[in-house]
Each structure stands twice: as C-alpha cells, then as structure tokens.
Amino acid sequence: MTPPEQPPDTTRPATTPTPGSAFPSERWRSIQRVVDGALDLPPAARGAYLDEACGADAALREHATRLVDACERAA
C-alpha cells in the first residue's frame, strides 16, 4: 500500500522553479528573498519594503507583489 500524499504547504507560495519554469534559478531566488522579507513585516510596511528591495526592477516588484498578495489572501 502506498501512503497517502501530503497536502502541499499553502502558508507561503511555492517559489522554487518547476521543470519548464519561465524563470532561471537565480531569478527565483531573488523573488523568494524579496517575498520572504516582505512577509516578515507587518502588512502596512510591505509596500515600502517592496519599493526599496525591488528598486527599478518592475518585473521583480510585480512578481513579488503577486506572491505576497496570494499569501495575505491565504492567511
């Protein structure tokens, strides 16, 4: 008998690349660092943190914001 599969951890988004992922590993690590940093802060401080952490990288800001928002909705 095979043991039942464990449900995925949904407390934080999966930020590791999957096969066929559109992002290289370093990009995923960058996104994960920013998201983890934002989630360590109170919600009111996250926007300013994301602005500073992402700088002029609008794509990084967009991806990080989406993941942070998903975590807030899941909480």
PDB file of N, CA and C in Angstrom:
ATOM      1  N   MET A   1       0.829  -1.192   0.000  1.00  0.00           N
ATOM      2  CA  MET A   1       0.000   0.000   0.000  1.00  0.00           C
ATOM      3  C   MET A   1       0.867   1.247   0.000  1.00  0.00           C
ATOM      4  N   THR A   2       0.486   2.221  -0.780  1.00  0.00           N
ATOM      5  CA  THR A   2       1.217   3.477  -0.781  1.00  0.00           C
ATOM      6  C   THR A   2       0.591   4.434   0.211  1.00  0.00           C
ATOM      7  N   PRO A   3       1.438   5.176   0.930  1.00  0.00           N
ATOM      8  CA  PRO A   3       0.886   6.136   1.878  1.00  0.00           C
ATOM      9  C   PRO A   3       0.190   7.273   1.128  1.00  0.00           C
ATOM     10  N   PRO A   4      -0.802   7.882   1.746  1.00  0.00           N
ATOM     11  CA  PRO A   4      -1.491   8.992   1.073  1.00  0.00           C
ATOM     12  C   PRO A   4      -0.534  10.176   0.914  1.00  0.00           C
ATOM     13  N   GLU A   5      -0.755  10.924  -0.145  1.00  0.00           N
ATOM     14  CA  GLU A   5       0.069  12.108  -0.373  1.00  0.00           C
ATOM     15  C   GLU A   5      -0.279  13.180   0.645  1.00  0.00           C
ATOM     16  N   GLN A   6       0.753  13.901   1.070  1.00  0.00           N
ATOM     17  CA  GLN A   6       0.548  15.016   1.984  1.00  0.00           C
ATOM     18  C   GLN A   6       0.093  16.232   1.187  1.00  0.00           C
ATOM     19  N   PRO A   7      -0.844  16.999   1.724  1.00  0.00           N
ATOM     20  CA  PRO A   7      -1.254  18.207   1.002  1.00  0.00           C
ATOM     21  C   PRO A   7      -0.094  19.196   0.968  1.00  0.00           C
ATOM     22  N   PRO A   8      -0.009  20.020  -0.065  1.00  0.00           N
ATOM     23  CA  PRO A   8       1.077  20.997  -0.146  1.00  0.00           C
ATOM     24  C   PRO A   8       0.945  22.049   0.945  1.00  0.00           C
ATOM     25  N   ASP A   9       2.074  22.592   1.347  1.00  0.00           N
ATOM     26  CA  ASP A   9       2.091  23.682   2.327  1.00  0.00           C
ATOM     27  C   ASP A   9       1.635  24.945   1.615  1.00  0.00           C
ATOM     28  N   THR A  10       0.510  25.492   2.029  1.00  0.00           N
ATOM     29  CA  THR A  10      -0.024  26.678   1.364  1.00  0.00           C
ATOM     30  C   THR A  10       0.175  27.941   2.179  1.00  0.00           C
ATOM     31  N   THR A  11       0.993  27.866   3.234  1.00  0.00           N
ATOM     32  CA  THR A  11       1.212  29.055   4.052  1.00  0.00           C
ATOM     33  C   THR A  11       2.077  30.075   3.328  1.00  0.00           C
ATOM     34  N   ARG A  12       2.930  29.620   2.442  1.00  0.00           N
ATOM     35  CA  ARG A  12       3.743  30.505   1.617  1.00  0.00           C
ATOM     36  C   ARG A  12       3.721  29.935   0.196  1.00  0.00           C
ATOM     37  N   PRO A  13       3.808  30.796  -0.782  1.00  0.00           N
ATOM     38  CA  PRO A  13       3.773  30.304  -2.152  1.00  0.00           C
ATOM     39  C   PRO A  13       4.999  29.481  -2.484  1.00  0.00           C
ATOM     40  N   ALA A  14       4.840  28.594  -3.421  1.00  0.00           N
ATOM     41  CA  ALA A  14       5.970  27.814  -3.892  1.00  0.00           C
ATOM     42  C   ALA A  14       6.832  28.719  -4.746  1.00  0.00           C
ATOM     43  N   THR A  15       8.041  28.993  -4.295  1.00  0.00           N
ATOM     44  CA  THR A  15       8.908  29.883  -5.056  1.00  0.00           C
ATOM     45  C   THR A  15      10.129  29.152  -5.578  1.00  0.00           C
ATOM     46  N   THR A  16      10.019  27.843  -5.689  1.00  0.00           N
ATOM     47  CA  THR A  16      11.094  27.092  -6.316  1.00  0.00           C
ATOM     48  C   THR A  16      10.677  26.767  -7.735  1.00  0.00           C
ATOM     49  N   PRO A  17      11.623  26.819  -8.645  1.00  0.00           N
ATOM     50  CA  PRO A  17      11.257  26.579 -10.039  1.00  0.00           C
ATOM     51  C   PRO A  17      10.806  25.150 -10.272  1.00  0.00           C
ATOM     52  N   THR A  18       9.925  24.997 -11.196  1.00  0.00           N
ATOM     53  CA  THR A  18       9.470  23.677 -11.603  1.00  0.00           C
ATOM     54  C   THR A  18      10.015  23.405 -12.992  1.00  0.00           C
ATOM     55  N   PRO A  19      10.085  22.152 -13.403  1.00  0.00           N
ATOM     56  CA  PRO A  19      10.568  21.878 -14.753  1.00  0.00           C
ATOM     57  C   PRO A  19       9.757  22.670 -15.780  1.00  0.00           C
ATOM     58  N   GLY A  20      10.448  23.273 -16.704  1.00  0.00           N
ATOM     59  CA  GLY A  20       9.772  24.082 -17.718  1.00  0.00           C
ATOM     60  C   GLY A  20       9.440  25.474 -17.231  1.00  0.00           C
ATOM     61  N   SER A  21       9.939  25.850 -16.053  1.00  0.00           N
ATOM     62  CA  SER A  21       9.666  27.159 -15.485  1.00  0.00           C
ATOM     63  C   SER A  21      10.211  28.262 -16.385  1.00  0.00           C
ATOM     64  N   ALA A  22       9.536  29.389 -16.384  1.00  0.00           N
ATOM     65  CA  ALA A  22       9.963  30.518 -17.198  1.00  0.00           C
ATOM     66  C   ALA A  22      11.113  31.277 -16.555  1.00  0.00           C
ATOM     67  N   PHE A  23      11.431  31.011 -15.289  1.00  0.00           N
ATOM     68  CA  PHE A  23      12.466  31.748 -14.585  1.00  0.00           C
ATOM     69  C   PHE A  23      13.690  30.890 -14.322  1.00  0.00           C
ATOM     70  N   PRO A  24      14.878  31.451 -14.520  1.00  0.00           N
ATOM     71  CA  PRO A  24      16.084  30.744 -14.101  1.00  0.00           C
ATOM     72  C   PRO A  24      16.151  30.693 -12.572  1.00  0.00           C
ATOM     73  N   SER A  25      16.921  29.783 -12.052  1.00  0.00           N
ATOM     74  CA  SER A  25      17.007  29.587 -10.603  1.00  0.00           C
ATOM     75  C   SER A  25      17.391  30.856  -9.854  1.00  0.00           C
ATOM     76  N   GLU A  26      18.328  31.628 -10.375  1.00  0.00           N
ATOM     77  CA  GLU A  26      18.747  32.847  -9.670  1.00  0.00           C
ATOM     78  C   GLU A  26      17.596  33.842  -9.579  1.00  0.00           C
ATOM     79  N   ARG A  27      16.795  33.915 -10.614  1.00  0.00           N
ATOM     80  CA  ARG A  27      15.649  34.836 -10.578  1.00  0.00           C
ATOM     81  C   ARG A  27      14.663  34.395  -9.507  1.00  0.00           C
ATOM     82  N   TRP A  28      14.409  33.082  -9.406  1.00  0.00           N
ATOM     83  CA  TRP A  28      13.513  32.585  -8.368  1.00  0.00           C
ATOM     84  C   TRP A  28      14.070  32.887  -6.989  1.00  0.00           C
ATOM     85  N   ARG A  29      15.388  32.754  -6.817  1.00  0.00           N
ATOM     86  CA  ARG A  29      15.985  33.075  -5.510  1.00  0.00           C
ATOM     87  C   ARG A  29      15.796  34.546  -5.179  1.00  0.00           C
ATOM     88  N   SER A  30      15.919  35.416  -6.159  1.00  0.00           N
ATOM     89  CA  SER A  30      15.703  36.846  -5.938  1.00  0.00           C
ATOM     90  C   SER A  30      14.262  37.116  -5.517  1.00  0.00           C
ATOM     91  N   ILE A  31      13.333  36.518  -6.226  1.00  0.00           N
ATOM     92  CA  ILE A  31      11.917  36.693  -5.894  1.00  0.00           C
ATOM     93  C   ILE A  31      11.649  36.170  -4.484  1.00  0.00           C
ATOM     94  N   GLN A  32      12.189  35.003  -4.184  1.00  0.00           N
ATOM     95  CA  GLN A  32      11.950  34.402  -2.870  1.00  0.00           C
ATOM     96  C   GLN A  32      12.510  35.270  -1.748  1.00  0.00           C
ATOM     97  N   ARG A  33      13.706  35.819  -1.938  1.00  0.00           N
ATOM     98  CA  ARG A  33      14.292  36.691  -0.900  1.00  0.00           C
ATOM     99  C   ARG A  33      13.389  37.886  -0.639  1.00  0.00           C
ATOM    100  N   VAL A  34      12.902  38.501  -1.707  1.00  0.00           N
ATOM    101  CA  VAL A  34      12.047  39.682  -1.558  1.00  0.00           C
ATOM    102  C   VAL A  34      10.723  39.314  -0.887  1.00  0.00           C
ATOM    103  N   VAL A  35      10.106  38.236  -1.329  1.00  0.00           N
ATOM    104  CA  VAL A  35       8.825  37.803  -0.757  1.00  0.00           C
ATOM    105  C   VAL A  35       8.993  37.444   0.716  1.00  0.00           C
ATOM    106  N   ASP A  36      10.026  36.680   1.040  1.00  0.00           N
ATOM    107  CA  ASP A  36      10.256  36.309   2.437  1.00  0.00           C
ATOM    108  C   ASP A  36      10.473  37.541   3.307  1.00  0.00           C
ATOM    109  N   GLY A  37      11.232  38.505   2.793  1.00  0.00           N
ATOM    110  CA  GLY A  37      11.455  39.742   3.545  1.00  0.00           C
ATOM    111  C   GLY A  37      10.162  40.504   3.764  1.00  0.00           C
ATOM    112  N   ALA A  38       9.331  40.564   2.742  1.00  0.00           N
ATOM    113  CA  ALA A  38       8.054  41.279   2.867  1.00  0.00           C
ATOM    114  C   ALA A  38       7.130  40.594   3.863  1.00  0.00           C
ATOM    115  N   LEU A  39       7.098  39.265   3.826  1.00  0.00           N
ATOM    116  CA  LEU A  39       6.197  38.539   4.717  1.00  0.00           C
ATOM    117  C   LEU A  39       6.646  38.589   6.171  1.00  0.00           C
ATOM    118  N   ASP A  40       7.906  38.949   6.407  1.00  0.00           N
ATOM    119  CA  ASP A  40       8.394  39.107   7.776  1.00  0.00           C
ATOM    120  C   ASP A  40       7.968  40.436   8.384  1.00  0.00           C
ATOM    121  N   LEU A  41       7.398  41.311   7.577  1.00  0.00           N
ATOM    122  CA  LEU A  41       6.992  42.643   8.037  1.00  0.00           C
ATOM    123  C   LEU A  41       5.485  42.715   8.239  1.00  0.00           C
ATOM    124  N   PRO A  42       5.038  43.691   9.027  1.00  0.00           N
ATOM    125  CA  PRO A  42       3.587  43.909   9.119  1.00  0.00           C
ATOM    126  C   PRO A  42       3.058  44.362   7.759  1.00  0.00           C
ATOM    127  N   PRO A  43       1.815  44.031   7.451  1.00  0.00           N
ATOM    128  CA  PRO A  43       1.257  44.378   6.141  1.00  0.00           C
ATOM    129  C   PRO A  43       1.426  45.846   5.754  1.00  0.00           C
ATOM    130  N   ALA A  44       1.303  46.759   6.708  1.00  0.00           N
ATOM    131  CA  ALA A  44       1.403  48.189   6.390  1.00  0.00           C
ATOM    132  C   ALA A  44       2.804  48.593   5.920  1.00  0.00           C
ATOM    133  N   ALA A  45       3.825  47.826   6.256  1.00  0.00           N
ATOM    134  CA  ALA A  45       5.203  48.170   5.890  1.00  0.00           C
ATOM    135  C   ALA A  45       5.674  47.475   4.617  1.00  0.00           C
ATOM    136  N   ARG A  46       4.884  46.589   4.075  1.00  0.00           N
ATOM    137  CA  ARG A  46       5.333  45.770   2.947  1.00  0.00           C
ATOM    138  C   ARG A  46       5.517  46.559   1.655  1.00  0.00           C
ATOM    139  N   GLY A  47       4.641  47.487   1.374  1.00  0.00           N
ATOM    140  CA  GLY A  47       4.747  48.259   0.132  1.00  0.00           C
ATOM    141  C   GLY A  47       6.055  49.029   0.059  1.00  0.00           C
ATOM    142  N   ALA A  48       6.414  49.717   1.134  1.00  0.00           N
ATOM    143  CA  ALA A  48       7.671  50.471   1.158  1.00  0.00           C
ATOM    144  C   ALA A  48       8.863  49.536   1.042  1.00  0.00           C
ATOM    145  N   TYR A  49       8.780  48.396   1.715  1.00  0.00           N
ATOM    146  CA  TYR A  49       9.861  47.413   1.618  1.00  0.00           C
ATOM    147  C   TYR A  49      10.017  46.924   0.182  1.00  0.00           C
ATOM    148  N   LEU A  50       8.909  46.585  -0.464  1.00  0.00           N
ATOM    149  CA  LEU A  50       8.972  46.105  -1.845  1.00  0.00           C
ATOM    150  C   LEU A  50       9.545  47.176  -2.772  1.00  0.00           C
ATOM    151  N   ASP A  51       9.162  48.430  -2.554  1.00  0.00           N
ATOM    152  CA  ASP A  51       9.721  49.519  -3.366  1.00  0.00           C
ATOM    153  C   ASP A  51      11.236  49.558  -3.233  1.00  0.00           C
ATOM    154  N   GLU A  52      11.724  49.474  -2.005  1.00  0.00           N
ATOM    155  CA  GLU A  52      13.166  49.548  -1.766  1.00  0.00           C
ATOM    156  C   GLU A  52      13.889  48.294  -2.250  1.00  0.00           C
ATOM    157  N   ALA A  53      13.339  47.127  -1.933  1.00  0.00           N
ATOM    158  CA  ALA A  53      14.009  45.864  -2.269  1.00  0.00           C
ATOM    159  C   ALA A  53      14.061  45.616  -3.776  1.00  0.00           C
ATOM    160  N   CYS A  54      13.044  46.078  -4.491  1.00  0.00           N
ATOM    161  CA  CYS A  54      12.985  45.816  -5.935  1.00  0.00           C
ATOM    162  C   CYS A  54      13.610  46.930  -6.760  1.00  0.00           C
ATOM    163  N   GLY A  55      13.717  48.117  -6.190  1.00  0.00           N
ATOM    164  CA  GLY A  55      14.314  49.235  -6.916  1.00  0.00           C
ATOM    165  C   GLY A  55      13.620  49.463  -8.240  1.00  0.00           C
ATOM    166  N   ALA A  56      14.419  49.557  -9.289  1.00  0.00           N
ATOM    167  CA  ALA A  56      13.886  49.833 -10.629  1.00  0.00           C
ATOM    168  C   ALA A  56      13.441  48.570 -11.361  1.00  0.00           C
ATOM    169  N   ASP A  57      13.544  47.417 -10.723  1.00  0.00           N
ATOM    170  CA  ASP A  57      13.166  46.146 -11.364  1.00  0.00           C
ATOM    171  C   ASP A  57      11.651  45.947 -11.245  1.00  0.00           C
ATOM    172  N   ALA A  58      10.934  46.484 -12.213  1.00  0.00           N
ATOM    173  CA  ALA A  58       9.470  46.440 -12.174  1.00  0.00           C
ATOM    174  C   ALA A  58       8.931  45.012 -12.237  1.00  0.00           C
ATOM    175  N   ALA A  59       9.601  44.143 -12.983  1.00  0.00           N
ATOM    176  CA  ALA A  59       9.136  42.755 -13.079  1.00  0.00           C
ATOM    177  C   ALA A  59       9.296  42.036 -11.745  1.00  0.00           C
ATOM    178  N   LEU A  60      10.403  42.275 -11.064  1.00  0.00           N
ATOM    179  CA  LEU A  60      10.596  41.688  -9.735  1.00  0.00           C
ATOM    180  C   LEU A  60       9.521  42.176  -8.788  1.00  0.00           C
ATOM    181  N   ARG A  61       9.239  43.468  -8.823  1.00  0.00           N
ATOM    182  CA  ARG A  61       8.207  44.056  -7.953  1.00  0.00           C
ATOM    183  C   ARG A  61       6.856  43.421  -8.234  1.00  0.00           C
ATOM    184  N   GLU A  62       6.531  43.234  -9.503  1.00  0.00           N
ATOM    185  CA  GLU A  62       5.241  42.649  -9.880  1.00  0.00           C
ATOM    186  C   GLU A  62       5.106  41.212  -9.385  1.00  0.00           C
ATOM    187  N   HIS A  63       6.136  40.404  -9.613  1.00  0.00           N
ATOM    188  CA  HIS A  63       6.080  39.001  -9.189  1.00  0.00           C
ATOM    189  C   HIS A  63       6.027  38.888  -7.672  1.00  0.00           C
ATOM    190  N   ALA A  64       6.844  39.675  -6.991  1.00  0.00           N
ATOM    191  CA  ALA A  64       6.861  39.631  -5.525  1.00  0.00           C
ATOM    192  C   ALA A  64       5.522  40.090  -4.965  1.00  0.00           C
ATOM    193  N   THR A  65       4.962  41.141  -5.525  1.00  0.00           N
ATOM    194  CA  THR A  65       3.680  41.646  -5.048  1.00  0.00           C
ATOM    195  C   THR A  65       2.583  40.607  -5.219  1.00  0.00           C
ATOM    196  N   ARG A  66       2.562  39.935  -6.344  1.00  0.00           N
ATOM    197  CA  ARG A  66       1.552  38.887  -6.569  1.00  0.00           C
ATOM    198  C   ARG A  66       1.657  37.776  -5.531  1.00  0.00           C
ATOM    199  N   LEU A  67       2.875  37.351  -5.243  1.00  0.00           N
ATOM    200  CA  LEU A  67       3.058  36.277  -4.267  1.00  0.00           C
ATOM    201  C   LEU A  67       2.710  36.729  -2.849  1.00  0.00           C
ATOM    202  N   VAL A  68       3.103  37.939  -2.493  1.00  0.00           N
ATOM    203  CA  VAL A  68       2.756  38.467  -1.176  1.00  0.00           C
ATOM    204  C   VAL A  68       1.234  38.585  -1.051  1.00  0.00           C
ATOM    205  N   ASP A  69       0.587  39.098  -2.074  1.00  0.00           N
ATOM    206  CA  ASP A  69      -0.880  39.217  -2.057  1.00  0.00           C
ATOM    207  C   ASP A  69      -1.538  37.844  -1.912  1.00  0.00           C
ATOM    208  N   ALA A  70      -1.006  36.852  -2.604  1.00  0.00           N
ATOM    209  CA  ALA A  70      -1.564  35.499  -2.501  1.00  0.00           C
ATOM    210  C   ALA A  70      -1.430  34.960  -1.077  1.00  0.00           C
ATOM    211  N   CYS A  71      -0.317  35.239  -0.444  1.00  0.00           N
ATOM    212  CA  CYS A  71      -0.119  34.809   0.944  1.00  0.00           C
ATOM    213  C   CYS A  71      -1.094  35.506   1.881  1.00  0.00           C
ATOM    214  N   GLU A  72      -1.313  36.785   1.662  1.00  0.00           N
ATOM    215  CA  GLU A  72      -2.260  37.533   2.501  1.00  0.00           C
ATOM    216  C   GLU A  72      -3.667  36.977   2.351  1.00  0.00           C
ATOM    217  N   ARG A  73      -4.059  36.649   1.133  1.00  0.00           N
ATOM    218  CA  ARG A  73      -5.386  36.086   0.908  1.00  0.00           C
ATOM    219  C   ARG A  73      -5.519  34.705   1.533  1.00  0.00           C
ATOM    220  N   ALA A  74      -4.442  33.937   1.502  1.00  0.00           N
ATOM    221  CA  ALA A  74      -4.481  32.578   2.044  1.00  0.00           C
ATOM    222  C   ALA A  74      -4.489  32.552   3.571  1.00  0.00           C
ATOM    223  N   ALA A  75      -3.989  33.614   4.163  1.00  0.00           N
ATOM    224  CA  ALA A  75      -3.886  33.657   5.628  1.00  0.00           C
ATOM    225  C   ALA A  75      -5.221  33.837   6.300  1.00  0.00           C
TER     226      ALA A  75
END
